[in-house]
């Protein structure tokens, strides 16, 4: 990018993104500067890295005064420094959507935005000289105020949280999809219809570069692959063949059955089998795998007249992420009154276009020879 500079920052100290997602490789808060007859700052950063971001901005400006601050998304990891930037550059205007304008007082209680804001909507443009920003409405990707912008001179899409990923840029690897997948399904997974709407708009543009608010700038084959995957993900289609076996075990009996089912699936030719312990594995990663594969087995102990809580939490996460178009197998365990299966069945039945594969397998405390026969039947039904 000739006249577009990166001024974002890495955060290597953060432990949980949005206070729930483990990010062992850190996080990037991306921000960009467009230099032309007029200068535009594209988003700010998280307050955690305020001083670094302000230093990057000052260095890029080299004494010049910016004309616009374009805010694509009001979430604090991108917009925390709006008021500070406007105070530092008193002639600068904030450019945002009308919905973002309504949100500003929620975040900046003691700052007056009177006369400082230009609101834009779908189809509006902002000329910086040879660079022109064309604004694209992207509501609920993944907040209602989100806009994206397409810069037509250098053919760059500023995609807000779209095409983002977990991980700091300093730790970036060639495997974009791994952490982008976990990011997408946990952050944007509910909003497949809205993502599809944006993809349709983007298809009509000559995009050479995508600049997301998290993760690397995407170009060439990497960009094409990211768009291909976003199309699959946002249509809720499985990406890979395989089976996820997610289990919630108290004393090991359910874990033993889940592991044995995994072995049976492999023996019968499953291309990929992932067995996950919901009590110990990263929940966000298990949700990622649920979206990735077409077949899921949920195996859980009965607990307090219901289902072991981590399994309820897992299925609840899938429900609120608009999970759909998958096949489920069910394994329950109970020492005297097995009830986990019925709870899981009801939760699955509430998901769109999800099929429950029979038989439902009931274990009583520990797996017995007759239980293994039922597990084998379930494995055959899933393949």
Protein backbone atom coordinates (compact mmCIF):
# COMPACT_ATOMS: atom_id res chain seq x y z
CA UNK A 1 0.00 0.00 0.00
CA UNK A 2 1.69 3.15 -1.22
CA UNK A 3 -0.04 5.91 0.74
CA UNK A 4 -1.63 3.84 3.51
CA UNK A 5 0.48 3.30 6.62
CA UNK A 6 -0.04 0.83 9.44
CA UNK A 7 -0.09 2.58 12.83
CA UNK A 8 -1.61 -0.18 14.97
CA UNK A 9 -0.14 -1.91 18.01
CA UNK A 10 0.38 -5.41 19.38
CA UNK A 11 -0.79 -6.42 22.84
CA UNK A 12 1.35 -9.24 24.23
CA UNK A 13 0.19 -8.80 27.83
CA UNK A 14 -3.52 -9.52 27.43
CA UNK A 15 -4.69 -12.85 28.87
CA UNK A 16 -8.36 -12.91 27.85
CA UNK A 17 -9.78 -11.06 24.85
CA UNK A 18 -13.25 -9.71 25.68
CA UNK A 19 -12.67 -11.27 29.13
CA UNK A 20 -13.44 -14.75 27.77
CA UNK A 21 -11.18 -15.83 24.88
CA UNK A 22 -7.72 -17.20 25.65
CA UNK A 23 -5.14 -15.46 23.44
CA UNK A 24 -1.74 -17.03 24.14
CA UNK A 25 -0.25 -15.28 21.09
CA UNK A 26 -1.59 -11.87 22.11
CA UNK A 27 -3.76 -9.53 20.07
CA UNK A 28 -3.30 -6.78 17.50
CA UNK A 29 -5.32 -3.56 17.45
CA UNK A 30 -5.05 -2.37 13.88
CA UNK A 31 -5.18 1.25 12.81
CA UNK A 32 -4.14 2.88 9.54
CA UNK A 33 -3.27 6.31 8.17
CA UNK A 34 -4.18 7.42 4.64
CA UNK A 35 -1.97 10.21 3.31
CA UNK A 36 -3.30 12.46 0.54
CA UNK A 37 -4.37 16.09 0.14
CA UNK A 38 -6.34 15.34 3.26
CA UNK A 39 -5.22 12.86 5.92
CA UNK A 40 -7.50 10.23 7.44
CA UNK A 41 -6.88 8.09 10.51
CA UNK A 42 -8.66 4.76 10.20
CA UNK A 43 -9.76 3.75 13.73
CA UNK A 44 -7.81 4.06 16.98
CA UNK A 45 -6.87 1.26 19.41
CA UNK A 46 -7.53 -0.21 22.83
CA UNK A 47 -6.79 2.02 25.81
CA UNK A 48 -4.39 -0.65 27.07
CA UNK A 49 -1.99 0.47 24.34
CA UNK A 50 -2.85 4.18 24.21
CA UNK A 51 0.66 5.57 24.51
CA UNK A 52 2.10 3.26 21.86
CA UNK A 53 -0.71 4.06 19.44
CA UNK A 54 -0.38 7.82 19.96
CA UNK A 55 3.36 7.57 19.39
CA UNK A 56 2.83 5.61 16.17
CA UNK A 57 0.31 8.17 14.98
CA UNK A 58 2.55 11.14 15.79
CA UNK A 59 5.48 9.49 14.05
CA UNK A 60 3.43 8.81 10.91
CA UNK A 61 2.01 12.34 10.85
CA UNK A 62 5.45 13.92 11.23
CA UNK A 63 3.99 17.21 12.37
CA UNK A 64 1.05 17.31 9.95
CA UNK A 65 -2.53 17.71 11.10
CA UNK A 66 -5.07 14.97 10.30
CA UNK A 67 -8.41 15.97 8.78
CA UNK A 68 -10.55 12.94 9.60
CA UNK A 69 -10.79 10.09 12.07
CA UNK A 70 -12.87 7.32 10.53
CA UNK A 71 -14.41 4.97 13.07
CA UNK A 72 -15.75 1.75 11.60
CA UNK A 73 -16.67 0.06 14.88
CA UNK A 74 -17.36 1.46 18.35
CA UNK A 75 -16.12 -1.47 20.41
CA UNK A 76 -13.54 -0.21 22.94
CA UNK A 77 -10.63 -2.23 21.54
CA UNK A 78 -10.86 0.00 18.44
CA UNK A 79 -12.50 3.22 19.61
CA UNK A 80 -11.25 3.92 23.15
CA UNK A 81 -9.02 6.78 22.03
CA UNK A 82 -11.52 8.77 19.94
CA UNK A 83 -11.91 11.60 22.44
CA UNK A 84 -8.16 11.85 23.10
CA UNK A 85 -7.47 12.03 19.37
CA UNK A 86 -10.08 14.76 18.87
CA UNK A 87 -8.63 16.74 21.78
CA UNK A 88 -5.11 16.43 20.37
CA UNK A 89 -6.19 17.51 16.87
CA UNK A 90 -8.95 20.09 17.39
CA UNK A 91 -9.61 20.66 13.67
CA UNK A 92 -10.12 16.98 12.95
CA UNK A 93 -13.60 15.60 12.24
CA UNK A 94 -14.89 12.21 13.35
CA UNK A 95 -16.52 10.17 10.57
CA UNK A 96 -18.87 7.39 11.65
CA UNK A 97 -22.33 5.90 11.13
CA UNK A 98 -25.46 7.49 12.60
CA UNK A 99 -25.79 4.52 14.95
CA UNK A 100 -22.22 5.05 16.16
CA UNK A 101 -23.01 8.71 16.81
CA UNK A 102 -25.77 7.61 19.18
CA UNK A 103 -23.30 5.37 21.02
CA UNK A 104 -20.61 8.01 21.53
CA UNK A 105 -22.11 9.46 24.76
CA UNK A 106 -22.20 5.97 26.26
CA UNK A 107 -18.42 5.75 26.08
CA UNK A 108 -17.33 9.39 26.36
CA UNK A 109 -19.43 10.97 29.09
CA UNK A 110 -17.49 14.24 29.53
CA UNK A 111 -16.63 15.04 25.90
CA UNK A 112 -18.77 17.16 23.59
CA UNK A 113 -18.91 15.98 19.98
CA UNK A 114 -20.95 18.99 18.83
CA UNK A 115 -19.73 20.13 15.42
CA UNK A 116 -17.06 17.43 15.33
CA UNK A 117 -18.92 14.55 13.66
CA UNK A 118 -19.74 13.67 10.05
CA UNK A 119 -22.20 10.78 9.77
CA UNK A 120 -22.09 8.51 6.73
CA UNK A 121 -24.28 5.75 5.39
CA UNK A 122 -24.29 3.14 2.65
CA UNK A 123 -23.18 4.67 -0.64
CA UNK A 124 -21.68 7.85 0.81
CA UNK A 125 -18.15 8.84 -0.18
CA UNK A 126 -15.37 10.88 1.36
CA UNK A 127 -12.69 12.31 -0.92
CA UNK A 128 -9.17 12.75 0.44
CA UNK A 129 -7.75 13.74 -2.96
CA UNK A 130 -6.86 10.85 -5.23
CA UNK A 131 -8.00 8.48 -2.47
CA UNK A 132 -11.78 8.18 -2.07
CA UNK A 133 -13.54 6.24 0.67
CA UNK A 134 -16.80 4.52 -0.30
CA UNK A 135 -18.82 3.54 2.78
CA UNK A 136 -20.53 0.17 3.15
CA UNK A 137 -23.14 -0.53 5.81
CA UNK A 138 -22.29 -3.72 7.72
CA UNK A 139 -24.79 -3.84 10.60
CA UNK A 140 -24.40 -6.73 13.04
CA UNK A 141 -20.97 -7.69 11.79
CA UNK A 142 -20.93 -7.84 14.70
CA UNK A 143 -22.42 -4.68 16.27
CA UNK A 144 -25.30 -2.65 14.79
CA UNK A 145 -23.27 0.50 14.08
CA UNK A 146 -20.54 -1.15 11.98
CA UNK A 147 -19.52 0.34 8.66
CA UNK A 148 -16.76 -0.73 6.31
CA UNK A 149 -15.04 1.45 3.74
CA UNK A 150 -13.54 0.76 0.33
CA UNK A 151 -10.70 3.00 -0.82
CA UNK A 152 -10.99 2.99 -4.62
CA UNK A 153 -7.55 4.38 -5.56
CA UNK A 154 -5.49 1.64 -3.90
CA UNK A 155 -8.41 -0.81 -3.94
CA UNK A 156 -8.39 -1.47 -0.20
CA UNK A 157 -11.29 -2.73 1.92
CA UNK A 158 -11.20 -1.57 5.54
CA UNK A 159 -13.23 -4.46 6.92
CA UNK A 160 -13.78 -3.56 10.60
CA UNK A 161 -13.85 -6.85 12.59
CA UNK A 162 -14.40 -8.82 9.41
CA UNK A 163 -11.49 -11.09 8.43
CA UNK A 164 -9.90 -10.55 11.82
CA UNK A 165 -8.10 -13.13 13.93
CA UNK A 166 -6.62 -13.72 17.35
CA UNK A 167 -2.88 -13.18 17.76
CA UNK A 168 -0.40 -10.32 17.74
CA UNK A 169 1.24 -9.49 14.42
CA UNK A 170 4.68 -10.13 15.86
CA UNK A 171 3.58 -13.75 16.38
CA UNK A 172 1.91 -14.12 12.97
CA UNK A 173 2.35 -17.41 11.13
CA UNK A 174 1.36 -18.66 7.69
CA UNK A 175 -1.66 -20.46 9.15
CA UNK A 176 -4.17 -17.58 9.06
CA UNK A 177 -7.21 -19.86 9.16
CA UNK A 178 -6.61 -21.50 12.54
CA UNK A 179 -7.04 -18.47 14.77
CA UNK A 180 -9.25 -16.66 12.24
CA UNK A 181 -11.68 -19.58 12.44
CA UNK A 182 -11.77 -19.52 16.24
CA UNK A 183 -12.21 -15.75 16.11
CA UNK A 184 -14.99 -15.82 13.51
CA UNK A 185 -17.22 -18.45 15.10
CA UNK A 186 -16.93 -17.00 18.59
CA UNK A 187 -17.15 -13.32 17.67
CA UNK A 188 -19.24 -13.21 14.47
CA UNK A 189 -20.65 -16.73 14.25
CA UNK A 190 -24.22 -15.74 15.06
CA UNK A 191 -24.38 -13.30 12.17
CA UNK A 192 -23.94 -15.46 9.09
CA UNK A 193 -26.75 -13.75 7.16
CA UNK A 194 -25.22 -10.34 7.77
CA UNK A 195 -21.77 -11.55 6.75
CA UNK A 196 -23.25 -12.98 3.56
CA UNK A 197 -24.80 -9.58 2.81
CA UNK A 198 -21.41 -7.90 3.09
CA UNK A 199 -19.72 -10.57 0.98
CA UNK A 200 -22.25 -9.91 -1.78
CA UNK A 201 -21.45 -6.20 -1.67
CA UNK A 202 -17.72 -6.91 -1.68
CA UNK A 203 -18.07 -9.18 -4.72
CA UNK A 204 -18.89 -6.11 -6.81
CA UNK A 205 -15.68 -4.31 -5.84
CA UNK A 206 -12.15 -4.65 -7.20
CA UNK A 207 -10.49 -5.46 -3.87
CA UNK A 208 -6.74 -5.96 -3.89
CA UNK A 209 -6.15 -5.68 -0.13
CA UNK A 210 -8.21 -6.26 3.02
CA UNK A 211 -7.26 -4.32 6.14
CA UNK A 212 -9.01 -5.84 9.18
CA UNK A 213 -9.04 -4.42 12.70
CA UNK A 214 -7.29 -7.53 14.06
CA UNK A 215 -4.68 -9.70 12.39
CA UNK A 216 -2.61 -9.35 9.23
CA UNK A 217 -3.33 -7.34 6.11
CA UNK A 218 -4.59 -9.78 3.47
CA UNK A 219 -3.55 -9.74 -0.18
CA UNK A 220 -3.30 -12.13 -3.14
CA UNK A 221 -3.89 -15.83 -2.50
CA UNK A 222 -4.24 -15.30 1.25
CA UNK A 223 -7.05 -12.81 0.68
CA UNK A 224 -8.82 -15.10 -1.81
CA UNK A 225 -8.64 -18.01 0.63
CA UNK A 226 -9.98 -15.85 3.47
CA UNK A 227 -12.97 -14.81 1.34
CA UNK A 228 -13.59 -18.45 0.36
CA UNK A 229 -13.60 -19.54 4.00
CA UNK A 230 -15.82 -16.65 5.08
CA UNK A 231 -18.36 -17.73 2.50
CA UNK A 232 -18.39 -21.29 3.88
CA UNK A 233 -18.45 -20.19 7.51
CA UNK A 234 -21.21 -17.61 7.06
CA UNK A 235 -23.44 -20.15 5.29
CA UNK A 236 -23.00 -22.50 8.28
CA UNK A 237 -21.64 -25.21 6.02
CA UNK A 238 -19.07 -27.72 7.34
CA UNK A 239 -15.56 -26.87 6.25
CA UNK A 240 -13.94 -30.30 6.70
CA UNK A 241 -15.02 -33.91 6.95
CA UNK A 242 -14.82 -35.33 10.45
CA UNK A 243 -16.44 -35.85 13.84
CA UNK A 244 -16.17 -33.86 17.06
CA UNK A 245 -16.72 -35.84 20.25
CA UNK A 246 -17.26 -33.35 23.09
CA UNK A 247 -17.61 -34.82 26.56
CA UNK A 248 -18.37 -33.69 30.09
CA UNK A 249 -17.23 -36.26 32.63
CA UNK A 250 -17.25 -36.16 36.43
CA UNK A 251 -15.40 -39.29 37.56
CA UNK A 252 -14.02 -40.61 34.29
CA UNK A 253 -16.76 -42.99 33.12
CA UNK A 254 -18.09 -40.66 30.44
CA UNK A 255 -14.55 -39.77 29.38
CA UNK A 256 -13.76 -43.47 28.89
CA UNK A 257 -16.85 -43.92 26.70
CA UNK A 258 -16.06 -40.81 24.65
CA UNK A 259 -12.47 -41.89 24.06
CA UNK A 260 -13.61 -45.37 23.03
CA UNK A 261 -16.15 -43.89 20.63
CA UNK A 262 -13.35 -41.83 19.12
CA UNK A 263 -11.32 -45.03 18.59
CA UNK A 264 -14.29 -46.77 16.96
CA UNK A 265 -14.86 -43.84 14.61
CA UNK A 266 -11.22 -43.94 13.52
CA UNK A 267 -11.31 -47.71 13.07
CA UNK A 268 -14.36 -47.31 10.84
CA UNK A 269 -12.65 -44.79 8.59
CA UNK A 270 -13.54 -41.34 9.89
CA UNK A 271 -11.19 -38.88 8.18
CA UNK A 272 -10.78 -36.76 11.30
CA UNK A 273 -11.86 -37.32 14.89
CA UNK A 274 -11.44 -34.67 17.58
CA UNK A 275 -12.16 -35.69 21.18
CA UNK A 276 -12.49 -32.74 23.58
CA UNK A 277 -12.85 -32.53 27.34
CA UNK A 278 -15.24 -29.65 27.99
CA UNK A 279 -14.03 -29.32 31.58
CA UNK A 280 -10.43 -28.70 30.55
CA UNK A 281 -10.15 -27.71 26.90
CA UNK A 282 -10.60 -24.19 25.60
CA UNK A 283 -14.35 -23.76 25.09
CA UNK A 284 -13.82 -21.37 22.18
CA UNK A 285 -11.72 -23.96 20.39
CA UNK A 286 -14.33 -26.68 20.88
CA UNK A 287 -16.97 -24.32 19.47
CA UNK A 288 -14.66 -23.74 16.50
CA UNK A 289 -14.49 -27.50 15.90
CA UNK A 290 -18.26 -27.83 16.22
CA UNK A 291 -18.67 -25.39 13.36
CA UNK A 292 -15.86 -26.96 11.37
CA UNK A 293 -17.13 -30.55 11.19
CA UNK A 294 -20.51 -31.93 10.06
CA UNK A 295 -20.89 -34.50 12.87
CA UNK A 296 -20.87 -33.94 16.63
CA UNK A 297 -21.25 -36.34 19.53
CA UNK A 298 -22.15 -34.87 22.89
CA UNK A 299 -21.39 -37.18 25.83
CA UNK A 300 -22.25 -36.06 29.34
CA UNK A 301 -22.90 -37.21 32.86
CA UNK A 302 -26.25 -36.56 34.49
CA UNK A 303 -26.08 -33.96 37.25
CA UNK A 304 -28.64 -32.53 39.68
CA UNK A 305 -31.54 -33.84 37.64
CA UNK A 306 -30.10 -32.38 34.44
CA UNK A 307 -26.79 -32.38 32.61
CA UNK A 308 -23.26 -31.68 33.85
CA UNK A 309 -22.91 -27.86 33.67
CA UNK A 310 -20.00 -27.62 31.23
CA UNK A 311 -22.07 -29.52 28.64
CA UNK A 312 -25.02 -27.21 29.18
CA UNK A 313 -22.65 -24.28 28.73
CA UNK A 314 -21.28 -25.74 25.49
CA UNK A 315 -24.73 -26.33 23.98
CA UNK A 316 -25.87 -22.92 25.18
CA UNK A 317 -22.90 -21.35 23.37
CA UNK A 318 -23.94 -23.14 20.18
CA UNK A 319 -27.54 -21.98 20.58
CA UNK A 320 -26.63 -18.31 20.94
CA UNK A 321 -24.24 -18.55 17.97
CA UNK A 322 -27.11 -19.63 15.70
CA UNK A 323 -25.62 -23.11 15.27
CA UNK A 324 -27.26 -25.15 12.50
CA UNK A 325 -27.01 -27.78 9.73
CA UNK A 326 -25.25 -30.50 11.72
CA UNK A 327 -25.77 -34.13 12.81
CA UNK A 328 -25.59 -35.01 16.51
CA UNK A 329 -25.04 -38.24 18.39
CA UNK A 330 -25.85 -38.41 22.10
CA UNK A 331 -24.18 -40.39 24.90
CA UNK A 332 -25.46 -40.01 28.45
CA UNK A 333 -24.24 -41.38 31.76
CA UNK A 334 -26.06 -41.79 35.04
CA UNK A 335 -25.57 -44.06 38.03
CA UNK A 336 -29.24 -44.30 39.08
CA UNK A 337 -31.44 -42.02 36.97
CA UNK A 338 -29.80 -41.01 33.66
CA UNK A 339 -31.30 -37.72 32.49
CA UNK A 340 -28.51 -35.91 30.62
CA UNK A 341 -29.62 -37.30 27.27
CA UNK A 342 -33.08 -35.76 27.40
CA UNK A 343 -31.67 -32.36 28.37
CA UNK A 344 -29.14 -32.45 25.53
CA UNK A 345 -31.79 -33.66 23.06
CA UNK A 346 -34.10 -30.75 23.88
CA UNK A 347 -31.29 -28.23 23.48
CA UNK A 348 -30.26 -29.72 20.13
CA UNK A 349 -33.86 -29.84 18.90
CA UNK A 350 -33.98 -26.08 19.42
CA UNK A 351 -31.19 -25.60 16.84
CA UNK A 352 -32.02 -25.05 13.18
CA UNK A 353 -31.70 -28.00 10.76
CA UNK A 354 -29.90 -30.23 13.24
CA UNK A 355 -30.51 -34.00 13.07
CA UNK A 356 -30.11 -36.37 16.01
CA UNK A 357 -28.61 -39.71 15.01
CA UNK A 358 -29.76 -42.86 16.81
CA UNK A 359 -29.13 -44.76 18.95
CA UNK A 360 -28.77 -42.56 21.98
CA UNK A 361 -26.33 -44.48 24.17
CA UNK A 362 -26.88 -44.74 27.93
CA UNK A 363 -23.97 -45.64 30.20
CA UNK A 364 -24.52 -46.48 33.85
CA UNK A 365 -21.42 -45.33 35.70
CA UNK A 366 -18.86 -47.37 33.76
CA UNK A 367 -18.85 -48.73 30.22
CA UNK A 368 -19.75 -52.39 29.84
CA UNK A 369 -19.52 -54.78 26.84
CA UNK A 370 -23.12 -54.14 25.82
CA UNK A 371 -22.46 -50.39 25.91
CA UNK A 372 -19.58 -50.77 23.48
CA UNK A 373 -21.94 -52.52 21.07
CA UNK A 374 -24.23 -49.48 21.21
CA UNK A 375 -21.29 -47.12 20.76
CA UNK A 376 -20.31 -49.08 17.66
CA UNK A 377 -23.83 -48.72 16.26
CA UNK A 378 -23.70 -44.97 16.92
CA UNK A 379 -20.32 -44.73 15.18
CA UNK A 380 -21.74 -46.51 12.12
CA UNK A 381 -24.74 -44.17 12.03
CA UNK A 382 -22.45 -41.13 12.04
CA UNK A 383 -20.32 -42.28 9.10
